[in-house]
C-alpha atoms as a PDB file:
ATOM      1  CA  MET A   1      11.807 -10.593  -8.939  1.00  0.00           C
ATOM      2  CA  ASP A   2      14.160  -8.064 -10.450  1.00  0.00           C
ATOM      3  CA  ASN A   3      15.686  -6.158  -7.916  1.00  0.00           C
ATOM      4  CA  LYS A   4      17.752  -3.595  -9.480  1.00  0.00           C
ATOM      5  CA  ILE A   5      17.941  -1.499  -6.840  1.00  0.00           C
ATOM      6  CA  ILE A   6      21.539  -0.485  -6.051  1.00  0.00           C
ATOM      7  CA  PHE A   7      21.864   1.497  -3.036  1.00  0.00           C
ATOM      8  CA  PHE A   8      19.877   2.707  -0.456  1.00  0.00           C
ATOM      9  CA  LEU A   9      20.435   4.768   3.248  1.00  0.00           C
ATOM     10  CA  ILE A  10      18.312   4.267   5.509  1.00  0.00           C
ATOM     11  CA  ILE A  11      17.375   6.730   8.052  1.00  0.00           C
ATOM     12  CA  PHE A  12      15.326   6.679  11.907  1.00  0.00           C
ATOM     13  CA  SER A  13      13.092   9.739  12.759  1.00  0.00           C
ATOM     14  CA  PHE A  14      11.722   9.208  16.050  1.00  0.00           C
ATOM     15  CA  TRP A  15       9.437  11.293  17.872  1.00  0.00           C
ATOM     16  CA  GLY A  16       7.598  10.850  20.581  1.00  0.00           C
ATOM     17  CA  CYS A  17       5.519  12.649  22.834  1.00  0.00           C
ATOM     18  CA  ASN A  18       3.434  12.350  26.265  1.00  0.00           C
ATOM     19  CA  LYS A  19       0.919  14.351  27.739  1.00  0.00           C
ATOM     20  CA  ASP A  20       3.634  16.861  29.589  1.00  0.00           C
ATOM     21  CA  LYS A  21       6.121  17.316  27.200  1.00  0.00           C
ATOM     22  CA  PRO A  22       7.438  16.213  23.805  1.00  0.00           C
ATOM     23  CA  ASN A  23      10.615  13.925  23.092  1.00  0.00           C
ATOM     24  CA  PRO A  24      12.972  15.553  20.743  1.00  0.00           C
ATOM     25  CA  PRO A  25      13.543  14.000  17.828  1.00  0.00           C
ATOM     26  CA  GLN A  26      16.073  11.481  17.449  1.00  0.00           C
ATOM     27  CA  THR A  27      18.386  10.486  14.085  1.00  0.00           C
ATOM     28  CA  LYS A  28      20.697   7.499  13.867  1.00  0.00           C
ATOM     29  CA  SER A  29      23.257   6.939  11.801  1.00  0.00           C
ATOM     30  CA  PRO A  30      22.687   6.022   8.199  1.00  0.00           C
ATOM     31  CA  ASN A  31      22.930   2.241   6.836  1.00  0.00           C
ATOM     32  CA  THR A  32      24.362   1.485   3.597  1.00  0.00           C
ATOM     33  CA  ILE A  33      23.131  -1.569   1.436  1.00  0.00           C
ATOM     34  CA  VAL A  34      24.493  -1.951  -1.736  1.00  0.00           C
ATOM     35  CA  ALA A  35      23.533  -4.589  -4.381  1.00  0.00           C
ATOM     36  CA  ASN A  36      23.738  -5.676  -7.673  1.00  0.00           C
ATOM     37  CA  ASN A  37      22.498  -4.231 -11.376  1.00  0.00           C
ATOM     38  CA  GLY A  38      20.870  -1.376  -9.704  1.00  0.00           C
ATOM     39  CA  GLN A  39      19.864   2.124 -11.366  1.00  0.00           C
ATOM     40  CA  LEU A  40      18.182   3.716  -8.386  1.00  0.00           C
ATOM     41  CA  LYS A  41      19.108   5.536  -5.181  1.00  0.00           C
ATOM     42  CA  PHE A  42      16.204   6.138  -1.983  1.00  0.00           C
ATOM     43  CA  TYR A  43      16.389   6.823   1.851  1.00  0.00           C
ATOM     44  CA  GLU A  44      13.983   4.579   3.660  1.00  0.00           C
ATOM     45  CA  LYS A  45      12.567   6.896   6.133  1.00  0.00           C
ATOM     46  CA  ILE A  46      10.156   6.361   9.377  1.00  0.00           C
ATOM     47  CA  TYR A  47       7.792   9.075  11.078  1.00  0.00           C
ATOM     48  CA  TRP A  48       6.939   7.703  14.252  1.00  0.00           C
ATOM     49  CA  LYS A  49       5.147   9.788  16.644  1.00  0.00           C
ATOM     50  CA  THR A  50       2.960   8.592  19.840  1.00  0.00           C
ATOM     51  CA  PHE A  51       0.596  10.232  22.178  1.00  0.00           C
ATOM     52  CA  GLY A  52       0.116   9.134  25.990  1.00  0.00           C
ATOM     53  CA  ASN A  53       1.674   6.273  27.977  1.00  0.00           C
ATOM     54  CA  CYS A  54       2.562   4.082  24.984  1.00  0.00           C
ATOM     55  CA  ALA A  55       5.439   2.790  27.179  1.00  0.00           C
ATOM     56  CA  ALA A  56       2.500   0.533  29.356  1.00  0.00           C
ATOM     57  CA  LYS A  57       0.604   0.249  26.457  1.00  0.00           C
ATOM     58  CA  LYS A  58      -2.308   2.176  28.270  1.00  0.00           C
ATOM     59  CA  ASP A  59      -4.091   5.185  26.786  1.00  0.00           C
ATOM     60  CA  CYS A  60      -1.591   5.602  23.480  1.00  0.00           C
ATOM     61  CA  ALA A  61      -2.513   6.817  20.095  1.00  0.00           C
ATOM     62  CA  GLU A  62       0.908   6.751  18.025  1.00  0.00           C
ATOM     63  CA  ILE A  63       1.370   6.674  14.114  1.00  0.00           C
ATOM     64  CA  LYS A  64       4.215   5.376  12.554  1.00  0.00           C
ATOM     65  CA  ILE A  65       5.093   6.031   8.357  1.00  0.00           C
ATOM     66  CA  GLU A  66       7.482   3.831   6.822  1.00  0.00           C
ATOM     67  CA  TYR A  67       7.960   5.408   3.241  1.00  0.00           C
ATOM     68  CA  PRO A  68      11.024   5.395   0.748  1.00  0.00           C
ATOM     69  CA  GLU A  69      12.402   9.199  -1.016  1.00  0.00           C
ATOM     70  CA  ILE A  70      14.200   9.142  -4.080  1.00  0.00           C
ATOM     71  CA  ILE A  71      17.571  10.563  -4.132  1.00  0.00           C
ATOM     72  CA  PRO A  72      16.410  13.386  -6.854  1.00  0.00           C
ATOM     73  CA  ASN A  73      17.846  12.737 -10.855  1.00  0.00           C
ATOM     74  CA  GLY A  74      15.358  14.458 -12.913  1.00  0.00           C
ATOM     75  CA  VAL A  75      11.545  15.073 -13.278  1.00  0.00           C
ATOM     76  CA  ALA A  76      10.737  11.279 -13.127  1.00  0.00           C
ATOM     77  CA  PHE A  77      11.858  10.710  -9.859  1.00  0.00           C
ATOM     78  CA  ASP A  78      10.385  13.849  -8.688  1.00  0.00           C
ATOM     79  CA  SER A  79       7.117  12.445  -9.766  1.00  0.00           C
ATOM     80  CA  ILE A  80       7.332   9.322  -7.981  1.00  0.00           C
ATOM     81  CA  ASN A  81       8.189  11.022  -4.639  1.00  0.00           C
ATOM     82  CA  ASN A  82       5.425  12.877  -5.080  1.00  0.00           C
ATOM     83  CA  HIS A  83       3.074   9.976  -5.706  1.00  0.00           C
ATOM     84  CA  ILE A  84       4.529   8.551  -2.281  1.00  0.00           C
ATOM     85  CA  LYS A  85       4.004  11.548  -0.741  1.00  0.00           C
ATOM     86  CA  THR A  86       0.124  11.207  -1.968  1.00  0.00           C
ATOM     87  CA  LEU A  87       0.471   7.705  -0.235  1.00  0.00           C
ATOM     88  CA  ILE A  88       1.227   9.090   3.578  1.00  0.00           C
ATOM     89  CA  LEU A  89      -0.612  11.989   3.499  1.00  0.00           C
ATOM     90  CA  ASN A  90      -4.066  10.284   2.372  1.00  0.00           C
ATOM     91  CA  ALA A  91      -6.121   9.395   5.633  1.00  0.00           C
ATOM     92  CA  PRO A  92      -6.364   5.393   5.355  1.00  0.00           C
ATOM     93  CA  PHE A  93     -10.052   4.246   4.572  1.00  0.00           C
ATOM     94  CA  THR A  94     -11.454   7.897   3.968  1.00  0.00           C
ATOM     95  CA  GLU A  95     -10.659  10.342   1.207  1.00  0.00           C
ATOM     96  CA  ASP A  96      -9.056  12.958   3.384  1.00  0.00           C
ATOM     97  CA  THR A  97      -5.422  14.326   2.757  1.00  0.00           C
ATOM     98  CA  TYR A  98      -3.262  16.295   5.130  1.00  0.00           C
ATOM     99  CA  LYS A  99      -0.131  18.524   4.240  1.00  0.00           C
ATOM    100  CA  THR A 100       2.538  17.087   6.547  1.00  0.00           C
ATOM    101  CA  LEU A 101       2.653  14.018   8.679  1.00  0.00           C
ATOM    102  CA  ASP A 102       2.535  15.824  11.787  1.00  0.00           C
ATOM    103  CA  GLU A 103      -0.901  17.977  10.743  1.00  0.00           C
ATOM    104  CA  LYS A 104      -1.689  13.540  10.041  1.00  0.00           C
ATOM    105  CA  ALA A 105      -0.445  13.123  13.803  1.00  0.00           C
ATOM    106  CA  ASP A 106      -2.574  16.164  15.428  1.00  0.00           C
ATOM    107  CA  SER A 107      -5.563  14.715  13.887  1.00  0.00           C
ATOM    108  CA  LEU A 108      -5.483  11.369  15.176  1.00  0.00           C
ATOM    109  CA  PHE A 109      -4.438  12.319  18.633  1.00  0.00           C
ATOM    110  CA  SER A 110      -7.490  15.281  18.767  1.00  0.00           C
ATOM    111  CA  ASN A 111      -9.849  12.535  17.827  1.00  0.00           C
ATOM    112  CA  TYR A 112      -8.005  10.340  20.545  1.00  0.00           C
ATOM    113  CA  ILE A 113      -8.106  13.272  23.385  1.00  0.00           C
ATOM    114  CA  SER A 114     -12.080  14.279  22.159  1.00  0.00           C
ATOM    115  CA  VAL A 115     -13.564  10.463  23.165  1.00  0.00           C
ATOM    116  CA  GLN A 116     -11.001   9.986  26.042  1.00  0.00           C
ATOM    117  CA  LYS A 117     -13.096  13.448  27.408  1.00  0.00           C
ATOM    118  CA  GLU A 118     -16.180  11.780  26.242  1.00  0.00           C
ATOM    119  CA  PHE A 119     -15.821   8.221  27.545  1.00  0.00           C
ATOM    120  CA  LYS A 120     -13.984   8.969  31.289  1.00  0.00           C
ATOM    121  CA  ASP A 121     -13.153   5.219  31.313  1.00  0.00           C
ATOM    122  CA  TYR A 122     -11.909   4.838  27.273  1.00  0.00           C
ATOM    123  CA  HIS A 123      -8.209   3.347  27.437  1.00  0.00           C
ATOM    124  CA  ILE A 124      -8.096   1.281  24.589  1.00  0.00           C
ATOM    125  CA  GLY A 125      -5.176   2.363  22.151  1.00  0.00           C
ATOM    126  CA  TRP A 126      -5.193   3.995  18.689  1.00  0.00           C
ATOM    127  CA  PHE A 127      -3.142   3.463  15.929  1.00  0.00           C
ATOM    128  CA  ILE A 128      -2.330   4.471  12.105  1.00  0.00           C
ATOM    129  CA  HIS A 129       0.872   2.239  10.736  1.00  0.00           C
ATOM    130  CA  SER A 130       1.169   2.659   6.998  1.00  0.00           C
ATOM    131  CA  LYS A 131       4.043   1.160   5.218  1.00  0.00           C
ATOM    132  CA  VAL A 132       5.306   2.482   1.699  1.00  0.00           C
ATOM    133  CA  GLN A 133       7.812   0.315   0.058  1.00  0.00           C
ATOM    134  CA  ILE A 134       9.424  -0.354  -3.397  1.00  0.00           C
ATOM    135  CA  THR A 135       9.552  -3.983  -4.274  1.00  0.00           C
ATOM    136  CA  GLY A 136      11.398  -3.622  -7.459  1.00  0.00           C
ATOM    137  CA  ILE A 137      11.826  -2.662 -10.672  1.00  0.00           C
ATOM    138  CA  PHE A 138      11.409  -4.129 -14.003  1.00  0.00           C
ATOM    139  CA  ASN A 139      11.196  -3.702 -17.768  1.00  0.00           C
ATOM    140  CA  ASP A 140      11.841   0.143 -15.933  1.00  0.00           C
ATOM    141  CA  ILE A 141       8.370  -0.180 -14.249  1.00  0.00           C
ATOM    142  CA  ILE A 142       8.800   0.660 -10.834  1.00  0.00           C
ATOM    143  CA  SER A 143       6.230  -1.881  -7.859  1.00  0.00           C
ATOM    144  CA  ILE A 144       5.732   0.242  -4.473  1.00  0.00           C
ATOM    145  CA  ARG A 145       3.806  -1.188  -2.613  1.00  0.00           C
ATOM    146  CA  THR A 146       1.941   0.189   0.098  1.00  0.00           C
ATOM    147  CA  ASP A 147       0.135  -1.295   3.304  1.00  0.00           C
ATOM    148  CA  GLU A 148      -2.194   0.443   5.821  1.00  0.00           C
ATOM    149  CA  LYS A 149      -3.279  -0.653   9.536  1.00  0.00           C
ATOM    150  CA  MET A 150      -5.284   1.000  11.311  1.00  0.00           C
ATOM    151  CA  PHE A 151      -7.823   0.858  14.716  1.00  0.00           C
ATOM    152  CA  THR A 152      -9.356   3.811  15.886  1.00  0.00           C
ATOM    153  CA  GLY A 153     -12.697   2.304  18.393  1.00  0.00           C
ATOM    154  CA  GLY A 154     -15.173   0.218  17.062  1.00  0.00           C
ATOM    155  CA  ALA A 155     -14.710  -3.869  16.103  1.00  0.00           C
ATOM    156  CA  ASN A 156     -12.182  -4.507  13.790  1.00  0.00           C
ATOM    157  CA  ILE A 157      -8.641  -3.207  12.705  1.00  0.00           C
ATOM    158  CA  PHE A 158      -8.998  -2.387   9.440  1.00  0.00           C
ATOM    159  CA  TYR A 159      -6.533  -3.445   7.103  1.00  0.00           C
ATOM    160  CA  ASN A 160      -5.596  -1.889   3.101  1.00  0.00           C
ATOM    161  CA  VAL A 161      -2.910  -3.217   0.752  1.00  0.00           C
ATOM    162  CA  LEU A 162      -1.795  -0.585  -2.031  1.00  0.00           C
ATOM    163  CA  PHE A 163      -0.387  -1.029  -5.531  1.00  0.00           C
ATOM    164  CA  SER A 164       1.620   1.633  -7.884  1.00  0.00           C
ATOM    165  CA  ASN A 165       2.983   0.718 -11.149  1.00  0.00           C
ATOM    166  CA  ILE A 166       5.076   3.912 -12.653  1.00  0.00           C
ATOM    167  CA  ASP A 167       7.495   4.623 -15.063  1.00  0.00           C
ATOM    168  CA  ILE A 168      10.858   5.012 -14.155  1.00  0.00           C
ATOM    169  CA  LYS A 169      12.017   7.718 -17.141  1.00  0.00           C
ATOM    170  CA  SER A 170       8.327   9.418 -17.508  1.00  0.00           C
ATOM    171  CA  GLY A 171       6.970   9.515 -13.669  1.00  0.00           C
ATOM    172  CA  ASN A 172       3.549   8.587 -15.370  1.00  0.00           C
ATOM    173  CA  GLU A 173       1.330   5.815 -13.543  1.00  0.00           C
ATOM    174  CA  PHE A 174       0.169   2.623 -15.542  1.00  0.00           C
ATOM    175  CA  PHE A 175      -3.374   1.270 -15.561  1.00  0.00           C
ATOM    176  CA  LEU A 176      -4.436  -1.687 -17.047  1.00  0.00           C
ATOM    177  CA  GLU A 177      -5.597  -0.532 -20.124  1.00  0.00           C
ATOM    178  CA  ASP A 178      -1.629   1.020 -20.623  1.00  0.00           C
ATOM    179  CA  ILE A 179      -0.011  -2.316 -20.849  1.00  0.00           C
ATOM    180  CA  ILE A 180      -2.465  -4.215 -22.125  1.00  0.00           C
ATOM    181  CA  LYS A 181      -3.568  -4.164 -25.672  1.00  0.00           C
ATOM    182  CA  ILE A 182      -7.464  -3.462 -26.285  1.00  0.00           C
ATOM    183  CA  ASP A 183      -8.604  -5.887 -28.474  1.00  0.00           C
ATOM    184  CA  LYS A 184      -7.360  -8.459 -25.853  1.00  0.00           C
ATOM    185  CA  LEU A 185      -8.628  -7.252 -22.485  1.00  0.00           C
ATOM    186  CA  LYS A 186     -12.212  -9.510 -23.189  1.00  0.00           C
ATOM    187  CA  LYS A 187      -9.785 -12.650 -23.369  1.00  0.00           C
ATOM    188  CA  LEU A 188      -7.611 -11.777 -20.172  1.00  0.00           C
ATOM    189  CA  LYS A 189     -10.686 -10.672 -18.390  1.00  0.00           C
ATOM    190  CA  GLU A 190     -11.869 -14.902 -19.070  1.00  0.00           C
ATOM    191  CA  ILE A 191      -7.775 -16.195 -17.510  1.00  0.00           C
ATOM    192  CA  GLY A 192      -8.552 -13.699 -15.026  1.00  0.00           C
ATOM    193  CA  GLU A 193     -12.042 -15.383 -14.069  1.00  0.00           C
ATOM    194  CA  ASN A 194     -10.683 -19.053 -14.889  1.00  0.00           C
ATOM    195  CA  LEU A 195      -7.733 -18.429 -12.265  1.00  0.00           C
ATOM    196  CA  PHE A 196     -10.746 -16.536  -9.905  1.00  0.00           C
ATOM    197  CA  TYR A 197     -12.679 -20.054 -10.724  1.00  0.00           C
ATOM    198  CA  GLU A 198      -9.632 -22.738  -9.452  1.00  0.00           C
ATOM    199  CA  LEU A 199      -7.764 -20.103  -6.584  1.00  0.00           C
ATOM    200  CA  LYS A 200     -11.628 -20.106  -4.493  1.00  0.00           C
ATOM    201  CA  GLU A 201     -12.180 -23.484  -5.516  1.00  0.00           C
ATOM    202  CA  ILE A 202     -15.683 -22.823  -6.973  1.00  0.00           C
ATOM    203  CA  PRO A 203     -17.679 -25.913  -9.233  1.00  0.00           C
ATOM    204  CA  LYS A 204     -17.486 -24.214 -12.656  1.00  0.00           C
ATOM    205  CA  ASN A 205     -21.358 -24.547 -12.585  1.00  0.00           C
ATOM    206  CA  LYS A 206     -21.762 -21.675  -9.735  1.00  0.00           C
ATOM    207  CA  SER A 207     -22.154 -18.091 -10.014  1.00  0.00           C
ATOM    208  CA  LEU A 208     -19.808 -16.133  -8.781  1.00  0.00           C
ATOM    209  CA  GLU A 209     -22.987 -14.444  -6.558  1.00  0.00           C
ATOM    210  CA  SER A 210     -23.815 -17.532  -5.033  1.00  0.00           C
ATOM    211  CA  ALA A 211     -20.807 -18.591  -3.820  1.00  0.00           C
ATOM    212  CA  GLY A 212     -20.601 -15.191  -1.423  1.00  0.00           C
ATOM    213  CA  TYR A 213     -18.681 -12.829  -4.067  1.00  0.00           C
ATOM    214  CA  TRP A 214     -20.153  -9.380  -5.081  1.00  0.00           C
ATOM    215  CA  PHE A 215     -18.646  -8.510  -8.190  1.00  0.00           C
ATOM    216  CA  GLU A 216     -19.964  -5.573 -10.028  1.00  0.00           C
ATOM    217  CA  ASP A 217     -23.034  -6.644 -12.197  1.00  0.00           C
ATOM    218  CA  LYS A 218     -22.436 -10.420 -10.501  1.00  0.00           C
ATOM    219  CA  ALA A 219     -19.636 -10.327 -13.160  1.00  0.00           C
ATOM    220  CA  PHE A 220     -16.130 -11.330 -12.930  1.00  0.00           C
ATOM    221  CA  GLU A 221     -13.813  -7.900 -12.142  1.00  0.00           C
ATOM    222  CA  PHE A 222     -10.220  -7.145 -12.172  1.00  0.00           C
ATOM    223  CA  SER A 223      -9.265  -5.052  -9.765  1.00  0.00           C
ATOM    224  CA  ASP A 224      -7.745  -1.686 -10.468  1.00  0.00           C
ATOM    225  CA  ASN A 225      -5.276  -2.680  -7.757  1.00  0.00           C
ATOM    226  CA  PHE A 226      -2.182  -4.390  -9.278  1.00  0.00           C
ATOM    227  CA  ALA A 227       1.054  -5.040  -8.799  1.00  0.00           C
ATOM    228  CA  ILE A 228       3.732  -5.369 -12.310  1.00  0.00           C
ATOM    229  CA  THR A 229       6.351  -8.160 -11.476  1.00  0.00           C
ATOM    230  CA  ASP A 230       8.987 -10.023 -13.429  1.00  0.00           C
ATOM    231  CA  SER A 231       6.702 -13.042 -13.209  1.00  0.00           C
ATOM    232  CA  GLY A 232       3.439 -12.072 -14.004  1.00  0.00           C
ATOM    233  CA  LEU A 233       0.336  -9.483 -12.635  1.00  0.00           C
ATOM    234  CA  VAL A 234      -0.389  -9.745  -9.315  1.00  0.00           C
ATOM    235  CA  PHE A 235      -4.449  -8.106  -8.642  1.00  0.00           C
ATOM    236  CA  PHE A 236      -5.253  -7.606  -5.376  1.00  0.00           C
ATOM    237  CA  TYR A 237      -8.622  -7.593  -3.948  1.00  0.00           C
ATOM    238  CA  ASN A 238      -9.072  -5.814  -0.226  1.00  0.00           C
ATOM    239  CA  LEU A 239     -11.394  -6.386   2.876  1.00  0.00           C
ATOM    240  CA  TYR A 240     -15.213  -5.791   1.506  1.00  0.00           C
ATOM    241  CA  GLU A 241     -13.964  -5.294  -1.870  1.00  0.00           C
ATOM    242  CA  ILE A 242     -15.741  -8.308  -3.075  1.00  0.00           C
ATOM    243  CA  ALA A 243     -16.640 -10.146  -0.418  1.00  0.00           C
ATOM    244  CA  PRO A 244     -17.481 -10.260   2.814  1.00  0.00           C
ATOM    245  CA  ARG A 245     -14.441  -9.395   5.795  1.00  0.00           C
ATOM    246  CA  VAL A 246     -14.406 -13.492   6.881  1.00  0.00           C
ATOM    247  CA  TYR A 247     -13.480 -13.940   3.301  1.00  0.00           C
ATOM    248  CA  GLY A 248     -11.074 -11.898   3.783  1.00  0.00           C
ATOM    249  CA  THR A 249      -8.182 -10.608   0.970  1.00  0.00           C
ATOM    250  CA  THR A 250      -7.958 -12.329  -2.376  1.00  0.00           C
ATOM    251  CA  GLU A 251      -4.279 -12.455  -4.524  1.00  0.00           C
ATOM    252  CA  LEU A 252      -4.875 -13.260  -7.797  1.00  0.00           C
ATOM    253  CA  PHE A 253      -1.730 -14.218  -9.979  1.00  0.00           C
ATOM    254  CA  ILE A 254      -1.674 -14.382 -13.825  1.00  0.00           C
ATOM    255  CA  PRO A 255       1.229 -16.008 -15.088  1.00  0.00           C
ATOM    256  CA  LYS A 256       2.919 -13.914 -17.663  1.00  0.00           C
ATOM    257  CA  GLU A 257       3.039 -17.396 -19.635  1.00  0.00           C
ATOM    258  CA  LYS A 258      -0.405 -16.840 -20.489  1.00  0.00           C
ATOM    259  CA  ILE A 259      -0.481 -13.420 -21.045  1.00  0.00           C
ATOM    260  CA  VAL A 260       2.846 -12.625 -23.203  1.00  0.00           C
ATOM    261  CA  ASP A 261       0.895 -12.251 -26.510  1.00  0.00           C
ATOM    262  CA  PHE A 262      -1.497  -9.667 -24.703  1.00  0.00           C
ATOM    263  CA  THR A 263       1.143  -6.995 -23.511  1.00  0.00           C
ATOM    264  CA  ASN A 264       4.675  -5.585 -24.639  1.00  0.00           C
ATOM    265  CA  ILE A 265       5.751  -5.598 -21.162  1.00  0.00           C
ATOM    266  CA  TYR A 266       7.039  -9.050 -21.175  1.00  0.00           C
ATOM    267  CA  LYS A 267       8.937  -9.622 -24.580  1.00  0.00           C
END
């Protein structure tokens, strides 16, 4: 993937707290990385806050959010920063949103304390880990990947991957209909279905439903969750999206050679 990011500073900001007294914030000296052929500047930040005896990995709740903050350079970059802000302030796997990261952390800790009060012998740790990263820039399109992992009790750790594709000039997000010609969407779907059958090694005479996949209307559909790269489109299906958890996640890649006539982004 083309990387036109010329420069970024890494700032680590750590917040730690226990049941008695919070530790003061610490900031490390910034590092600088310079790459060739770039056009974007951003800070890479880490918000990290804990509650309880995390050193002993017991009775601990932790939130860790890693994200880029683009150095303001016009309306478009402000829009991209706002998009990233929305990503990090959302609560994983819910529709809850928060105004600040401290509010998000306090919600996690408050719920954890409530469970420990209700169940005196509860010592299992909770966490929310999110990482937002700029994975590359292609044709003035920034590709952003968000990895979310969370455990707040229950049988399983939940994780999720989200992709965003944003125009570096306007700050607008791209959706599939924005990059594929309308009259080519049906053909693209046929290509995607064939590649899905190959990826999952499903016999051609077998339906997706009988193979264990639960697409709506029992027909293949693209995920809205995709990345635009210099080599093609990557569609990502998260846990439970099209199949039981045991099937895991699915990453479907469509090489640009197969869709070069369907879109202008590869011309």
